[in-house]
Amino acid sequence: MQYLEFEKPLAEIEGKAEELRAMARQNEKMDIEKEAAALDRKAEQMLRDMYKGLTAWQKTQVARHAERPHCKNYIDALFTEYTPLAGDRNFADDHAVMGGLARFHDQPVMVIGHEKGNDTKSRIERNFGMARPEGYRKAIRLMDMADRYNLPVITLIDTPGAYPGKGAEERGQSEAIARSTMKCLEIGVPLIATVIGEGGSGGAVAFAAGNRVAMLEHSVYSVISPEGCASILWKDADKMREAADALRLTAQDLQKLGVIDRIIQEPLGGAQRGRDETIEAVGKAIAAMLKDLTGKPRETLIKDRRQKFLRMGSKGLSA
């Protein structure tokens, strides 16, 4: 288990409990279970206290935790008969974006998401979840296909933001993001978006302009990263804590503002401490949202989606 900066006191206690148990494994005559159990109880209470009052910056750290389940984990666990579709039919296949045809609870769907990778090799291959223009154009192609065959679209969002490299800008990064966002608003099938980690900037909005938008409890969704915001406003990236508070990027703030519809609870200590439970909770939430939208006419779905985004920010402005 990788510990975050604010979890260091917890790491000490859990480390001591593990040391005691390691000593007992080496010497069967040692009886340390009582002491280890006491440390376990202390660690659990500390974990509850920590996660009861996380700051916006701490939630950002949890959302970025490398051991949280990623898009591929959700697809493998929740979808059957997944058939990946590659390429934008124009330039290349962007490995930061994965998607394809699948079945969700035996219903044919199109699933699209950002994939960050889980080790050094895969993170480099996936560009740390930062899509290039061809990734957004691939998503547009898949959404077009879903619309043509009347398939609901399910998106899983986990990106620091779109890739800001020179080549990406030369190939029309902003235009690709805008067109992907526009395509989300145009299709006449249900579009359900779930932020499973980071929802960074236009790179996230391009997949998240849906009929229903959900966020995991400790995920974040913002127009810019706290570090980027601090660099612009204060010329000091170390002001990221203040920026995180000002951005109102937590699921709890965004639900009050009407930006998202649902918060999906995470296990105590975050998704990284209960990967299977988190994936199951996301599956249940997607099923509930999909049931709510299934059978609605094409015109109703498009109007509902547009009205949802026109209303954003009108709730909770005085909070």
Protein backbone atom coordinates (compact mmCIF):
# COMPACT_ATOMS: atom_id res chain seq x y z
CA MET A 1 0.00 0.00 0.00
CA GLN A 2 1.33 3.41 -1.01
CA TYR A 3 0.66 6.07 1.62
CA LEU A 4 -0.15 9.66 0.78
CA GLU A 5 1.60 12.58 2.47
CA PHE A 6 -1.18 13.17 5.01
CA GLU A 7 -1.37 9.43 5.78
CA LYS A 8 2.16 9.19 7.25
CA PRO A 9 0.98 8.84 10.88
CA LEU A 10 -1.27 5.99 9.75
CA ALA A 11 1.64 4.36 7.92
CA GLU A 12 3.63 4.23 11.17
CA ILE A 13 0.89 2.45 13.11
CA GLU A 14 0.06 -0.05 10.35
CA GLY A 15 3.78 -0.63 9.86
CA LYS A 16 4.25 -1.46 13.56
CA ALA A 17 1.35 -3.93 13.44
CA GLU A 18 2.88 -5.64 10.43
CA GLU A 19 6.31 -5.76 12.10
CA LEU A 20 4.80 -7.55 15.11
CA ARG A 21 3.09 -10.09 12.88
CA ALA A 22 6.31 -10.62 10.90
CA MET A 23 8.17 -11.35 14.13
CA ALA A 24 5.45 -13.82 15.15
CA ARG A 25 5.75 -15.63 11.81
CA GLN A 26 9.46 -16.12 12.47
CA ASN A 27 8.92 -17.25 16.07
CA GLU A 28 5.71 -19.23 16.61
CA LYS A 29 6.09 -19.00 20.41
CA MET A 30 5.53 -15.25 20.36
CA ASP A 31 1.99 -14.17 21.19
CA ILE A 32 1.56 -10.68 19.80
CA GLU A 33 -2.00 -10.82 18.44
CA LYS A 34 -3.43 -8.74 21.28
CA GLU A 35 -0.94 -5.92 20.71
CA ALA A 36 -1.34 -6.12 16.92
CA ALA A 37 -5.15 -6.05 17.21
CA ALA A 38 -4.93 -2.94 19.41
CA LEU A 39 -2.78 -1.24 16.76
CA ASP A 40 -5.30 -2.29 14.08
CA ARG A 41 -8.13 -0.65 16.03
CA LYS A 42 -6.10 2.52 16.52
CA ALA A 43 -5.26 2.61 12.79
CA GLU A 44 -8.90 2.14 11.78
CA GLN A 45 -10.04 4.98 14.03
CA MET A 46 -7.27 7.22 12.71
CA LEU A 47 -8.32 6.37 9.14
CA ARG A 48 -11.95 7.24 9.93
CA ASP A 49 -10.91 10.55 11.48
CA MET A 50 -8.66 11.41 8.53
CA TYR A 51 -11.20 10.68 5.82
CA LYS A 52 -14.08 12.32 7.70
CA GLY A 53 -12.66 15.78 7.08
CA LEU A 54 -10.45 15.68 3.99
CA THR A 55 -9.53 19.05 2.48
CA ALA A 56 -9.95 19.69 -1.23
CA TRP A 57 -6.20 19.24 -1.74
CA GLN A 58 -6.18 15.95 0.17
CA LYS A 59 -9.07 14.72 -1.98
CA THR A 60 -7.01 15.65 -5.03
CA GLN A 61 -4.18 13.49 -3.73
CA VAL A 62 -6.56 10.58 -3.12
CA ALA A 63 -8.03 10.98 -6.63
CA ARG A 64 -4.52 10.68 -8.08
CA HIS A 65 -3.53 7.63 -6.00
CA ALA A 66 -1.73 5.17 -8.30
CA GLU A 67 -3.50 2.15 -6.78
CA ARG A 68 -7.06 3.32 -7.46
CA PRO A 69 -8.86 1.12 -10.01
CA HIS A 70 -8.49 2.48 -13.53
CA CYS A 71 -10.67 2.36 -16.62
CA LYS A 72 -9.42 -1.05 -17.74
CA ASN A 73 -10.20 -2.53 -14.30
CA TYR A 74 -13.79 -1.30 -14.54
CA ILE A 75 -14.23 -2.59 -18.08
CA ASP A 76 -12.81 -6.00 -17.20
CA ALA A 77 -15.05 -6.33 -14.13
CA LEU A 78 -18.33 -4.73 -15.21
CA PHE A 79 -18.60 -5.40 -18.94
CA THR A 80 -18.76 -8.60 -20.94
CA GLU A 81 -17.95 -9.30 -24.60
CA TYR A 82 -15.81 -6.16 -24.71
CA THR A 83 -14.51 -5.58 -28.24
CA PRO A 84 -11.94 -2.75 -28.37
CA LEU A 85 -12.11 -0.38 -31.33
CA ALA A 86 -8.95 1.49 -32.27
CA GLY A 87 -7.93 4.55 -34.24
CA ASP A 88 -9.50 7.80 -35.37
CA ARG A 89 -9.39 6.83 -39.10
CA ASN A 90 -7.30 9.93 -39.66
CA PHE A 91 -3.93 9.89 -37.90
CA ALA A 92 -3.33 7.20 -35.27
CA ASP A 93 -4.66 5.25 -32.31
CA ASP A 94 -4.33 7.08 -29.00
CA HIS A 95 -3.69 4.59 -26.18
CA ALA A 96 -4.71 7.13 -23.52
CA VAL A 97 -8.31 6.56 -24.66
CA MET A 98 -9.78 3.08 -24.75
CA GLY A 99 -13.23 2.16 -25.92
CA GLY A 100 -15.36 -0.29 -27.78
CA LEU A 101 -18.53 -2.34 -27.94
CA ALA A 102 -19.54 -4.33 -24.88
CA ARG A 103 -22.47 -5.64 -22.87
CA PHE A 104 -23.46 -4.15 -19.53
CA HIS A 105 -25.89 -6.38 -17.64
CA ASP A 106 -26.43 -8.08 -21.01
CA GLN A 107 -27.40 -4.79 -22.68
CA PRO A 108 -25.27 -3.74 -25.68
CA VAL A 109 -23.44 -0.47 -24.98
CA MET A 110 -20.49 1.62 -26.12
CA VAL A 111 -17.92 2.19 -23.36
CA ILE A 112 -15.21 4.88 -23.61
CA GLY A 113 -12.67 5.98 -21.02
CA HIS A 114 -9.27 7.40 -20.14
CA GLU A 115 -6.66 4.84 -19.10
CA LYS A 116 -3.60 5.97 -17.10
CA GLY A 117 -1.77 2.63 -16.87
CA ASN A 118 -0.59 0.86 -13.71
CA ASP A 119 3.20 0.59 -14.04
CA THR A 120 5.99 2.56 -15.67
CA LYS A 121 5.73 0.86 -19.06
CA SER A 122 1.94 1.08 -19.34
CA ARG A 123 1.85 4.66 -18.01
CA ILE A 124 4.24 5.76 -20.74
CA GLU A 125 2.26 3.83 -23.35
CA ARG A 126 -1.00 5.40 -22.10
CA ASN A 127 0.62 8.86 -21.79
CA PHE A 128 -0.57 8.98 -18.16
CA GLY A 129 -4.17 9.26 -19.33
CA MET A 130 -3.57 12.50 -21.26
CA ALA A 131 -5.30 12.19 -24.61
CA ARG A 132 -4.08 13.68 -27.86
CA PRO A 133 -6.43 14.92 -30.63
CA GLU A 134 -6.68 11.45 -32.14
CA GLY A 135 -8.01 10.16 -28.82
CA TYR A 136 -10.92 12.60 -28.87
CA ARG A 137 -11.53 11.90 -32.57
CA LYS A 138 -11.63 8.19 -31.78
CA ALA A 139 -14.23 8.94 -29.08
CA ILE A 140 -16.27 10.96 -31.61
CA ARG A 141 -16.18 8.02 -34.02
CA LEU A 142 -17.36 5.62 -31.33
CA MET A 143 -20.16 7.96 -30.20
CA ASP A 144 -21.29 8.30 -33.83
CA MET A 145 -21.40 4.51 -34.09
CA ALA A 146 -23.35 4.22 -30.85
CA ASP A 147 -25.87 6.81 -32.08
CA ARG A 148 -26.27 4.97 -35.39
CA TYR A 149 -27.02 1.65 -33.71
CA ASN A 150 -28.97 3.09 -30.75
CA LEU A 151 -26.45 2.01 -28.11
CA PRO A 152 -26.14 3.82 -24.76
CA VAL A 153 -22.72 5.43 -24.19
CA ILE A 154 -20.93 4.94 -20.87
CA THR A 155 -17.80 7.01 -20.21
CA LEU A 156 -15.20 6.58 -17.46
CA ILE A 157 -13.18 9.73 -16.82
CA ASP A 158 -9.72 9.78 -15.26
CA THR A 159 -7.32 12.30 -16.77
CA PRO A 160 -5.09 15.14 -15.53
CA GLY A 161 -6.19 16.93 -18.74
CA ALA A 162 -5.59 16.80 -22.46
CA TYR A 163 -1.96 16.43 -23.57
CA PRO A 164 -0.42 19.92 -24.03
CA GLY A 165 2.41 18.91 -26.35
CA LYS A 166 3.46 20.75 -29.52
CA GLY A 167 2.37 17.93 -31.84
CA ALA A 168 -1.05 17.72 -30.21
CA GLU A 169 -1.59 21.45 -30.67
CA GLU A 170 -0.45 21.25 -34.28
CA ARG A 171 -3.01 18.51 -34.93
CA GLY A 172 -5.87 20.57 -33.50
CA GLN A 173 -6.16 19.65 -29.83
CA SER A 174 -8.69 22.34 -28.89
CA GLU A 175 -10.82 21.66 -31.97
CA ALA A 176 -10.90 17.93 -31.22
CA ILE A 177 -11.96 18.55 -27.60
CA ALA A 178 -14.67 21.00 -28.71
CA ARG A 179 -16.03 18.55 -31.28
CA SER A 180 -16.03 15.70 -28.78
CA THR A 181 -17.97 17.85 -26.30
CA MET A 182 -20.39 18.85 -29.06
CA LYS A 183 -20.85 15.21 -30.07
CA CYS A 184 -21.74 14.32 -26.47
CA LEU A 185 -24.51 16.92 -26.62
CA GLU A 186 -25.77 15.83 -30.05
CA ILE A 187 -26.22 12.07 -29.81
CA GLY A 188 -29.74 10.75 -29.33
CA VAL A 189 -28.86 7.90 -26.98
CA PRO A 190 -28.32 7.92 -23.19
CA LEU A 191 -24.86 9.15 -22.19
CA ILE A 192 -23.74 8.31 -18.65
CA ALA A 193 -20.43 9.74 -17.41
CA THR A 194 -18.57 8.74 -14.25
CA VAL A 195 -15.47 10.49 -12.89
CA ILE A 196 -13.43 7.68 -11.32
CA GLY A 197 -10.30 9.69 -10.43
CA GLU A 198 -9.25 13.01 -11.92
CA GLY A 199 -11.59 15.00 -14.12
CA GLY A 200 -9.13 17.47 -15.53
CA SER A 201 -10.09 20.43 -17.71
CA GLY A 202 -11.59 20.15 -21.21
CA GLY A 203 -10.02 16.74 -21.49
CA ALA A 204 -12.65 15.52 -19.02
CA VAL A 205 -15.58 17.63 -20.24
CA ALA A 206 -15.13 16.12 -23.72
CA PHE A 207 -16.36 12.80 -22.26
CA ALA A 208 -18.58 14.15 -19.48
CA ALA A 209 -21.29 16.19 -21.23
CA GLY A 210 -23.82 13.47 -20.42
CA ASN A 211 -27.44 13.03 -19.36
CA ARG A 212 -26.18 11.82 -15.99
CA VAL A 213 -22.81 12.63 -14.43
CA ALA A 214 -21.57 10.78 -11.34
CA MET A 215 -18.37 11.08 -9.33
CA LEU A 216 -16.66 8.80 -6.89
CA GLU A 217 -16.64 10.27 -3.39
CA HIS A 218 -12.93 11.21 -3.43
CA SER A 219 -12.56 12.07 -7.11
CA VAL A 220 -12.11 15.64 -8.41
CA TYR A 221 -13.44 17.51 -11.45
CA SER A 222 -12.17 20.95 -12.41
CA VAL A 223 -11.40 23.35 -15.24
CA ILE A 224 -7.70 23.31 -14.25
CA SER A 225 -5.41 21.48 -11.84
CA PRO A 226 -4.73 23.14 -8.46
CA GLU A 227 -1.05 23.50 -9.38
CA GLY A 228 -1.90 25.14 -12.70
CA CYS A 229 -4.40 27.48 -11.07
CA ALA A 230 -1.87 28.48 -8.39
CA SER A 231 0.79 29.16 -11.03
CA ILE A 232 -1.55 31.49 -12.91
CA LEU A 233 -3.18 33.32 -9.99
CA TRP A 234 -0.31 33.51 -7.50
CA LYS A 235 2.68 32.75 -9.75
CA ASP A 236 3.47 30.05 -7.19
CA ALA A 237 2.60 26.36 -7.67
CA ASP A 238 3.08 25.80 -3.93
CA LYS A 239 -0.24 27.62 -3.39
CA MET A 240 -2.05 24.53 -4.71
CA ARG A 241 -3.87 23.99 -1.40
CA GLU A 242 -5.50 27.42 -1.58
CA ALA A 243 -6.25 26.87 -5.27
CA ALA A 244 -7.91 23.50 -4.60
CA ASP A 245 -10.24 25.15 -2.06
CA ALA A 246 -11.09 28.00 -4.44
CA LEU A 247 -11.79 25.72 -7.41
CA ARG A 248 -14.60 23.83 -5.63
CA LEU A 249 -13.48 20.66 -7.37
CA THR A 250 -14.77 18.03 -4.94
CA ALA A 251 -17.77 15.83 -5.64
CA GLN A 252 -19.58 17.35 -2.66
CA ASP A 253 -19.16 20.94 -3.92
CA LEU A 254 -20.06 20.02 -7.49
CA GLN A 255 -23.26 18.25 -6.48
CA LYS A 256 -24.35 21.40 -4.61
CA LEU A 257 -23.66 23.45 -7.74
CA GLY A 258 -25.65 21.07 -9.95
CA VAL A 259 -22.62 20.09 -12.03
CA ILE A 260 -23.00 16.40 -11.16
CA ASP A 261 -26.03 14.28 -10.29
CA ARG A 262 -24.71 11.55 -8.02
CA ILE A 263 -21.87 10.80 -5.59
CA ILE A 264 -20.74 7.17 -5.41
CA GLN A 265 -19.46 6.23 -1.96
CA GLU A 266 -15.95 4.81 -1.64
CA PRO A 267 -14.71 2.32 0.99
CA LEU A 268 -13.08 3.77 4.11
CA GLY A 269 -9.66 5.07 3.09
CA GLY A 270 -10.54 5.52 -0.58
CA ALA A 271 -10.98 3.32 -3.64
CA GLN A 272 -7.38 2.12 -3.37
CA ARG A 273 -8.23 0.31 -0.11
CA GLY A 274 -11.26 -1.46 -1.55
CA ARG A 275 -10.92 -1.84 -5.29
CA ASP A 276 -13.55 -4.57 -5.71
CA GLU A 277 -16.12 -2.76 -3.54
CA THR A 278 -15.54 0.46 -5.48
CA ILE A 279 -15.98 -1.20 -8.86
CA GLU A 280 -19.16 -2.89 -7.64
CA ALA A 281 -20.54 0.45 -6.37
CA VAL A 282 -19.81 2.12 -9.71
CA GLY A 283 -21.54 -0.73 -11.53
CA LYS A 284 -24.67 -0.33 -9.39
CA ALA A 285 -24.72 3.43 -9.96
CA ILE A 286 -24.35 3.07 -13.73
CA ALA A 287 -27.15 0.47 -13.77
CA ALA A 288 -29.48 2.79 -11.85
CA MET A 289 -28.74 5.78 -14.10
CA LEU A 290 -29.11 3.68 -17.26
CA LYS A 291 -32.45 2.32 -16.07
CA ASP A 292 -33.67 5.87 -15.50
CA LEU A 293 -32.83 6.86 -19.10
CA THR A 294 -33.72 3.70 -21.02
CA GLY A 295 -36.75 4.07 -23.26
CA LYS A 296 -36.71 7.87 -23.41
CA PRO A 297 -37.21 9.32 -26.92
CA ARG A 298 -34.22 10.67 -28.80
CA GLU A 299 -35.50 14.26 -28.69
CA THR A 300 -36.06 14.05 -24.93
CA LEU A 301 -32.53 12.80 -24.27
CA ILE A 302 -30.95 15.59 -26.33
CA LYS A 303 -33.11 18.29 -24.75
CA ASP A 304 -32.52 16.90 -21.24
CA ARG A 305 -28.77 16.96 -21.77
CA ARG A 306 -28.67 20.49 -23.17
CA GLN A 307 -30.91 21.87 -20.43
CA LYS A 308 -28.75 20.17 -17.79
CA PHE A 309 -25.67 22.05 -18.94
CA LEU A 310 -27.49 25.36 -19.35
CA ARG A 311 -28.61 25.11 -15.70
CA MET A 312 -25.14 24.35 -14.34
CA GLY A 313 -23.91 26.72 -11.66
CA SER A 314 -27.34 28.14 -10.88
CA LYS A 315 -27.54 25.98 -7.72
CA GLY A 316 -25.57 26.66 -4.58
CA LEU A 317 -24.03 29.96 -5.71
CA SER A 318 -24.47 31.46 -2.25
CA ALA A 319 -22.91 28.42 -0.52
